[in-house]
């Protein structure tokens, strides 16, 4: 199995070319079955990343050559795609963005290095802090956007901090600038960290969903989500909730029900990739009261909105579209995505989400 990069696909010869609909999409994925194997094509505008055997890669090259005047196609086990350097070796994909990070830090080399991307008071806002000038605010906004691009690809360990900074881009203050500089100092200290995606040992999809109650200045909570398949972290998110929860239980309920649809979508997607239905996904929760609500029902819900969320979760678990299991807070893998950790707790989270094996 190898992979190929098709860079800058030209305009099709005819408007009815089979690849023409793909050119109108920003990004997408095509999967097809050939000889009992699933091959995939990732599409981002006019850049295609193809995971296929050598024979199938040659067939795709011949097909595209007929459909387009010229193509630029590289076939290797080490390729650069959208700023990522992807290497396939010994059953493991290694992904890094060292060059991107180096370019990002060009104007910030004077900053001291930091051991973690943020502190436990990262989400606190000082209303007396001076706002940045318009010029500095634009630099702040641009830098945050560039780090977000990095975080969503190879550095999920920085997601909680950059998620908070994204909420400050239109009203950044000197306090926010200091938090950004700390994050940049951490990236300078760890700019060569890579993402490791090893071969899966099983086909069990596990979702860890956690919430931090009233973490934001406006009292909204924060949700962290991790999806794991066969010990490999395949998805990480860290997001501010859109509604205000009145208690930690409500915050956990909002985080859970907001992501149940995504759990089912992932289950369907992974089943497609494997070519057969995989086991029912397991959702791990560290709030026993929420588990009781969505499995047994009942309880006192203050609003129709929360009652609807309870019934949404109960319907999902009653119909066995997912299984919910209690997980102790110390074993909640999404803890580092729902809040900013420090010390050993942060390193354990960072190593886990980046696939770095420790003794």
Protein backbone atom coordinates (compact mmCIF):
# COMPACT_ATOMS: atom_id res chain seq x y z
CA UNK A 1 0.00 0.00 0.00
CA UNK A 2 1.39 3.42 -0.93
CA UNK A 3 0.06 6.90 -1.43
CA UNK A 4 0.30 9.55 -4.10
CA UNK A 5 -0.05 13.30 -4.32
CA UNK A 6 -1.76 14.94 -7.24
CA UNK A 7 -0.87 18.62 -7.07
CA UNK A 8 -2.79 21.46 -8.74
CA UNK A 9 -5.23 19.61 -10.95
CA UNK A 10 -5.70 21.68 -14.15
CA UNK A 11 -8.99 22.60 -15.77
CA UNK A 12 -10.77 19.63 -17.34
CA UNK A 13 -10.77 19.27 -21.11
CA UNK A 14 -14.57 19.09 -21.24
CA UNK A 15 -17.28 20.33 -18.94
CA UNK A 16 -18.67 16.80 -18.59
CA UNK A 17 -15.39 15.38 -17.30
CA UNK A 18 -16.03 12.88 -14.48
CA UNK A 19 -13.88 14.97 -12.13
CA UNK A 20 -15.64 18.26 -12.87
CA UNK A 21 -18.13 18.04 -9.92
CA UNK A 22 -15.17 17.54 -7.58
CA UNK A 23 -13.61 20.80 -8.71
CA UNK A 24 -16.57 22.69 -7.29
CA UNK A 25 -16.05 21.17 -3.83
CA UNK A 26 -13.73 22.71 -1.30
CA UNK A 27 -12.83 19.35 0.16
CA UNK A 28 -14.11 15.81 0.18
CA UNK A 29 -13.30 12.12 0.18
CA UNK A 30 -13.89 9.36 -2.31
CA UNK A 31 -13.55 5.73 -1.32
CA UNK A 32 -13.81 2.77 -3.65
CA UNK A 33 -13.51 -1.00 -3.38
CA UNK A 34 -11.05 -2.80 -5.62
CA UNK A 35 -9.85 -6.38 -5.21
CA UNK A 36 -11.22 -6.55 -1.67
CA UNK A 37 -9.32 -3.43 -0.57
CA UNK A 38 -10.63 0.05 0.19
CA UNK A 39 -8.72 2.85 -1.53
CA UNK A 40 -9.25 6.51 -0.64
CA UNK A 41 -8.83 9.85 -2.39
CA UNK A 42 -8.75 13.01 -0.26
CA UNK A 43 -9.73 16.14 -2.16
CA UNK A 44 -8.95 19.72 -1.16
CA UNK A 45 -9.79 22.20 -3.94
CA UNK A 46 -7.37 21.04 -6.69
CA UNK A 47 -5.03 18.92 -4.54
CA UNK A 48 -5.66 15.19 -4.28
CA UNK A 49 -4.04 12.76 -1.84
CA UNK A 50 -4.49 9.15 -2.93
CA UNK A 51 -4.08 6.08 -0.70
CA UNK A 52 -3.91 3.05 -2.97
CA UNK A 53 -1.78 0.18 -4.21
CA UNK A 54 0.80 0.80 -6.92
CA UNK A 55 -1.36 -0.87 -9.55
CA UNK A 56 -4.41 1.19 -8.63
CA UNK A 57 -2.31 4.39 -8.52
CA UNK A 58 -1.15 3.71 -12.07
CA UNK A 59 -4.75 3.12 -13.15
CA UNK A 60 -5.82 6.45 -11.61
CA UNK A 61 -2.90 8.21 -13.33
CA UNK A 62 -3.97 6.81 -16.71
CA UNK A 63 -7.59 7.78 -16.09
CA UNK A 64 -6.69 11.36 -15.15
CA UNK A 65 -4.28 11.72 -18.05
CA UNK A 66 -7.14 10.98 -20.42
CA UNK A 67 -9.46 13.44 -18.69
CA UNK A 68 -7.01 16.36 -18.38
CA UNK A 69 -4.34 17.86 -20.59
CA UNK A 70 -1.54 17.64 -18.00
CA UNK A 71 -1.25 16.48 -14.40
CA UNK A 72 1.48 16.71 -11.76
CA UNK A 73 1.58 13.50 -9.75
CA UNK A 74 4.12 12.23 -7.23
CA UNK A 75 4.16 8.67 -5.93
CA UNK A 76 6.12 8.03 -2.73
CA UNK A 77 5.90 6.98 0.90
CA UNK A 78 6.93 10.50 1.93
CA UNK A 79 4.91 13.44 0.63
CA UNK A 80 4.02 17.03 1.48
CA UNK A 81 0.30 17.87 1.47
CA UNK A 82 -1.31 21.16 2.57
CA UNK A 83 1.69 22.07 4.75
CA UNK A 84 1.93 18.58 6.27
CA UNK A 85 4.88 16.25 5.73
CA UNK A 86 3.43 12.72 5.69
CA UNK A 87 5.70 9.68 5.99
CA UNK A 88 4.58 6.04 5.86
CA UNK A 89 7.02 3.65 7.53
CA UNK A 90 6.77 0.40 9.52
CA UNK A 91 2.98 0.44 9.67
CA UNK A 92 2.80 4.02 10.98
CA UNK A 93 2.00 7.39 9.44
CA UNK A 94 4.15 10.21 10.83
CA UNK A 95 2.77 13.69 10.20
CA UNK A 96 4.65 16.90 10.97
CA UNK A 97 4.44 20.59 10.08
CA UNK A 98 7.95 21.61 11.14
CA UNK A 99 8.43 24.01 8.23
CA UNK A 100 5.04 25.63 8.88
CA UNK A 101 5.88 26.12 12.58
CA UNK A 102 9.29 27.57 11.70
CA UNK A 103 7.63 30.11 9.39
CA UNK A 104 4.99 30.86 12.03
CA UNK A 105 7.63 31.62 14.67
CA UNK A 106 9.80 33.82 12.46
CA UNK A 107 8.68 37.04 14.17
CA UNK A 108 8.46 35.50 17.65
CA UNK A 109 11.92 34.05 18.21
CA UNK A 110 12.54 36.51 21.06
CA UNK A 111 9.92 34.80 23.22
CA UNK A 112 11.07 32.48 26.04
CA UNK A 113 10.14 28.82 25.73
CA UNK A 114 7.27 27.45 27.82
CA UNK A 115 6.56 23.90 29.06
CA UNK A 116 2.79 24.09 28.44
CA UNK A 117 0.58 26.09 26.05
CA UNK A 118 -1.43 27.74 28.81
CA UNK A 119 -2.22 27.93 32.50
CA UNK A 120 -5.34 27.06 34.49
CA UNK A 121 -6.45 30.71 34.39
CA UNK A 122 -6.29 30.89 30.58
CA UNK A 123 -10.08 31.22 30.28
CA UNK A 124 -10.26 34.08 32.79
CA UNK A 125 -10.78 37.55 31.35
CA UNK A 126 -9.50 40.78 32.89
CA UNK A 127 -11.95 43.49 31.84
CA UNK A 128 -9.49 46.22 32.93
CA UNK A 129 -6.79 45.03 30.51
CA UNK A 130 -6.04 47.54 27.74
CA UNK A 131 -7.36 46.63 24.28
CA UNK A 132 -4.80 46.18 21.52
CA UNK A 133 -4.40 48.75 18.78
CA UNK A 134 -6.08 47.88 15.49
CA UNK A 135 -2.75 46.97 13.89
CA UNK A 136 -1.75 44.66 16.76
CA UNK A 137 -5.25 43.18 16.87
CA UNK A 138 -4.98 42.24 13.19
CA UNK A 139 -1.62 40.56 13.85
CA UNK A 140 -3.20 38.77 16.82
CA UNK A 141 -6.11 37.60 14.65
CA UNK A 142 -3.85 36.37 11.87
CA UNK A 143 -1.53 34.52 14.24
CA UNK A 144 -4.42 32.80 16.02
CA UNK A 145 -5.85 31.66 12.67
CA UNK A 146 -2.49 30.21 11.63
CA UNK A 147 -2.11 28.32 14.89
CA UNK A 148 -5.69 27.03 14.58
CA UNK A 149 -4.77 25.55 11.18
CA UNK A 150 -1.80 23.83 12.84
CA UNK A 151 -3.84 22.62 15.83
CA UNK A 152 -6.52 20.97 13.71
CA UNK A 153 -3.92 18.92 11.87
CA UNK A 154 -0.90 17.84 13.92
CA UNK A 155 -1.01 19.73 17.24
CA UNK A 156 -4.30 18.90 19.00
CA UNK A 157 -2.48 19.44 22.32
CA UNK A 158 -2.90 23.20 21.78
CA UNK A 159 -6.63 23.10 20.93
CA UNK A 160 -8.09 24.27 24.30
CA UNK A 161 -5.90 27.39 24.37
CA UNK A 162 -6.37 28.29 20.72
CA UNK A 163 -10.11 27.63 21.05
CA UNK A 164 -10.28 30.30 23.76
CA UNK A 165 -8.12 32.74 21.81
CA UNK A 166 -10.47 32.37 18.83
CA UNK A 167 -13.21 33.91 20.99
CA UNK A 168 -11.01 36.97 21.58
CA UNK A 169 -9.89 37.91 18.05
CA UNK A 170 -12.37 40.81 17.71
CA UNK A 171 -11.70 42.23 21.19
CA UNK A 172 -8.15 41.22 22.02
CA UNK A 173 -6.42 42.88 24.97
CA UNK A 174 -2.89 42.93 26.32
CA UNK A 175 -3.84 40.01 28.57
CA UNK A 176 -4.85 38.00 25.49
CA UNK A 177 -1.58 38.98 23.82
CA UNK A 178 0.32 37.53 26.78
CA UNK A 179 -1.64 34.28 26.50
CA UNK A 180 -0.86 34.09 22.79
CA UNK A 181 2.83 34.70 23.47
CA UNK A 182 2.84 31.88 26.01
CA UNK A 183 1.33 29.56 23.41
CA UNK A 184 3.95 30.65 20.87
CA UNK A 185 6.65 30.04 23.47
CA UNK A 186 5.33 26.50 23.90
CA UNK A 187 5.36 25.94 20.13
CA UNK A 188 8.93 27.21 20.02
CA UNK A 189 9.83 24.70 22.73
CA UNK A 190 8.08 21.79 20.97
CA UNK A 191 8.21 22.72 17.28
CA UNK A 192 9.45 19.27 16.21
CA UNK A 193 6.63 17.29 17.87
CA UNK A 194 4.89 15.01 15.40
CA UNK A 195 1.60 13.18 15.06
CA UNK A 196 1.80 9.38 14.93
CA UNK A 197 -1.00 7.32 13.39
CA UNK A 198 -0.24 3.62 13.87
CA UNK A 199 -2.03 0.59 12.53
CA UNK A 200 -5.28 -0.10 14.37
CA UNK A 201 -5.39 -3.06 16.73
CA UNK A 202 -9.21 -3.25 16.68
CA UNK A 203 -12.23 -1.70 14.98
CA UNK A 204 -13.96 -0.47 18.13
CA UNK A 205 -14.91 3.20 18.00
CA UNK A 206 -14.70 4.89 21.40
CA UNK A 207 -15.81 8.46 22.10
CA UNK A 208 -14.68 10.37 25.19
CA UNK A 209 -16.91 13.40 25.83
CA UNK A 210 -16.23 15.79 28.71
CA UNK A 211 -17.40 19.25 29.72
CA UNK A 212 -16.01 21.96 32.00
CA UNK A 213 -18.83 23.89 33.68
CA UNK A 214 -19.05 27.71 33.28
CA UNK A 215 -15.42 27.92 32.19
CA UNK A 216 -15.86 31.03 30.05
CA UNK A 217 -16.25 34.61 31.26
CA UNK A 218 -19.86 34.70 30.03
CA UNK A 219 -20.57 31.53 32.09
CA UNK A 220 -20.79 29.23 29.08
CA UNK A 221 -19.23 25.80 29.47
CA UNK A 222 -16.59 24.12 27.31
CA UNK A 223 -16.77 20.69 25.64
CA UNK A 224 -13.85 18.41 24.84
CA UNK A 225 -14.23 15.39 22.54
CA UNK A 226 -11.86 12.55 21.57
CA UNK A 227 -12.62 9.73 19.14
CA UNK A 228 -10.39 6.66 19.36
CA UNK A 229 -10.31 3.61 17.08
CA UNK A 230 -8.07 0.70 18.01
CA UNK A 231 -6.00 2.89 20.33
CA UNK A 232 -5.50 5.57 17.64
CA UNK A 233 -6.89 9.08 18.24
CA UNK A 234 -8.62 10.05 15.01
CA UNK A 235 -10.54 13.18 16.08
CA UNK A 236 -10.12 15.88 18.73
CA UNK A 237 -12.27 18.93 19.32
CA UNK A 238 -12.37 21.65 21.97
CA UNK A 239 -15.35 24.00 21.71
CA UNK A 240 -17.27 26.59 23.66
CA UNK A 241 -20.88 25.56 24.21
CA UNK A 242 -23.54 27.68 22.53
CA UNK A 243 -25.94 27.81 25.48
CA UNK A 244 -25.52 28.48 29.19
CA UNK A 245 -25.92 25.42 31.40
CA UNK A 246 -27.24 25.90 34.93
CA UNK A 247 -25.21 23.09 36.52
CA UNK A 248 -22.28 20.75 35.79
CA UNK A 249 -24.79 18.00 34.98
CA UNK A 250 -26.50 20.19 32.39
CA UNK A 251 -23.10 21.11 30.91
CA UNK A 252 -22.20 17.42 30.55
CA UNK A 253 -25.63 16.70 29.04
CA UNK A 254 -25.20 19.49 26.47
CA UNK A 255 -21.72 18.24 25.56
CA UNK A 256 -22.94 14.66 25.20
CA UNK A 257 -26.04 15.35 23.11
CA UNK A 258 -24.24 17.89 20.91
CA UNK A 259 -21.86 15.13 19.79
CA UNK A 260 -24.04 12.01 19.59
CA UNK A 261 -24.83 12.74 15.95
CA UNK A 262 -21.10 12.99 15.22
CA UNK A 263 -20.51 9.65 16.95
CA UNK A 264 -23.07 7.99 14.68
CA UNK A 265 -21.62 9.71 11.62
CA UNK A 266 -18.11 8.49 12.49
CA UNK A 267 -19.45 4.98 13.01
CA UNK A 268 -21.03 5.02 9.57
CA UNK A 269 -17.92 6.52 7.98
CA UNK A 270 -15.50 4.01 9.53
CA UNK A 271 -17.83 1.14 8.60
CA UNK A 272 -17.64 2.39 5.03
CA UNK A 273 -13.83 2.49 5.14
CA UNK A 274 -13.61 -1.07 6.47
CA UNK A 275 -16.24 -2.30 4.04
CA UNK A 276 -18.42 -3.79 6.77
CA UNK A 277 -20.31 -2.71 9.88
CA UNK A 278 -18.02 -2.19 12.88
CA UNK A 279 -19.11 -2.75 16.52
CA UNK A 280 -21.54 -0.32 18.15
CA UNK A 281 -19.60 2.77 19.32
CA UNK A 282 -18.91 3.22 23.03
CA UNK A 283 -19.35 6.66 24.58
CA UNK A 284 -17.46 7.28 27.82
CA UNK A 285 -18.87 9.74 30.36
CA UNK A 286 -17.51 10.73 33.78
CA UNK A 287 -20.86 12.09 35.05
CA UNK A 288 -23.02 9.31 36.50
CA UNK A 289 -26.08 11.57 36.77
CA UNK A 290 -26.04 12.23 33.03
CA UNK A 291 -25.72 8.52 32.32
CA UNK A 292 -28.75 7.91 34.53
CA UNK A 293 -30.76 10.58 32.70
CA UNK A 294 -30.05 9.26 29.20
CA UNK A 295 -30.49 5.57 30.08
CA UNK A 296 -33.28 5.54 32.65
CA UNK A 297 -34.98 8.86 31.97
CA UNK A 298 -36.82 10.73 34.69
CA UNK A 299 -35.10 13.37 36.74
CA UNK A 300 -36.10 17.00 37.06
CA UNK A 301 -35.42 19.05 33.94
CA UNK A 302 -35.89 22.78 34.37
CA UNK A 303 -36.65 23.55 30.74
CA UNK A 304 -38.22 21.94 27.68
CA UNK A 305 -34.84 22.36 25.98
CA UNK A 306 -33.05 20.14 28.50
CA UNK A 307 -35.88 17.61 28.50
CA UNK A 308 -35.52 17.33 24.73
CA UNK A 309 -31.78 16.66 25.17
CA UNK A 310 -32.48 13.94 27.74
CA UNK A 311 -34.94 12.23 25.40
CA UNK A 312 -32.55 12.61 22.45
CA UNK A 313 -29.83 10.79 24.35
CA UNK A 314 -32.21 8.15 25.71
CA UNK A 315 -33.55 7.37 22.25
CA UNK A 316 -30.01 6.91 20.92
CA UNK A 317 -28.98 4.52 23.69
CA UNK A 318 -32.33 2.68 23.82
CA UNK A 319 -32.02 1.91 20.11
CA UNK A 320 -28.44 0.69 20.65
CA UNK A 321 -26.99 3.17 18.18
CA UNK A 322 -24.33 3.74 20.84
CA UNK A 323 -23.44 2.43 24.30
CA UNK A 324 -22.70 4.78 27.19
CA UNK A 325 -20.27 3.66 29.92
CA UNK A 326 -19.12 5.41 33.08
CA UNK A 327 -15.49 6.47 33.11
CA UNK A 328 -13.67 7.79 36.17
CA UNK A 329 -12.52 11.40 35.84
CA UNK A 330 -8.87 10.34 36.14
CA UNK A 331 -9.35 8.12 33.09
CA UNK A 332 -11.31 10.65 31.03
CA UNK A 333 -9.12 11.10 27.94
CA UNK A 334 -11.04 14.23 26.88
CA UNK A 335 -10.25 16.07 30.11
CA UNK A 336 -7.36 17.91 28.48
CA UNK A 337 -9.63 19.02 25.61
CA UNK A 338 -12.30 20.50 27.86
CA UNK A 339 -9.89 22.60 29.93
CA UNK A 340 -6.26 23.70 30.06
CA UNK A 341 -4.03 21.30 31.98
CA UNK A 342 -0.51 21.76 33.32
CA UNK A 343 2.36 19.53 34.41
CA UNK A 344 2.07 15.75 34.10
CA UNK A 345 -1.64 15.89 33.34
CA UNK A 346 -0.97 17.96 30.25
CA UNK A 347 1.93 15.80 29.06
CA UNK A 348 -0.15 12.64 29.40
CA UNK A 349 -2.93 14.24 27.35
CA UNK A 350 -0.54 15.63 24.72
CA UNK A 351 1.26 12.32 24.27
CA UNK A 352 -2.02 10.43 23.98
CA UNK A 353 -3.64 12.68 21.34
CA UNK A 354 -0.43 12.76 19.28
CA UNK A 355 0.13 9.03 19.44
CA UNK A 356 3.46 9.33 21.26
CA UNK A 357 4.15 6.14 23.16
CA UNK A 358 5.78 6.53 26.54
CA UNK A 359 7.32 3.80 28.73
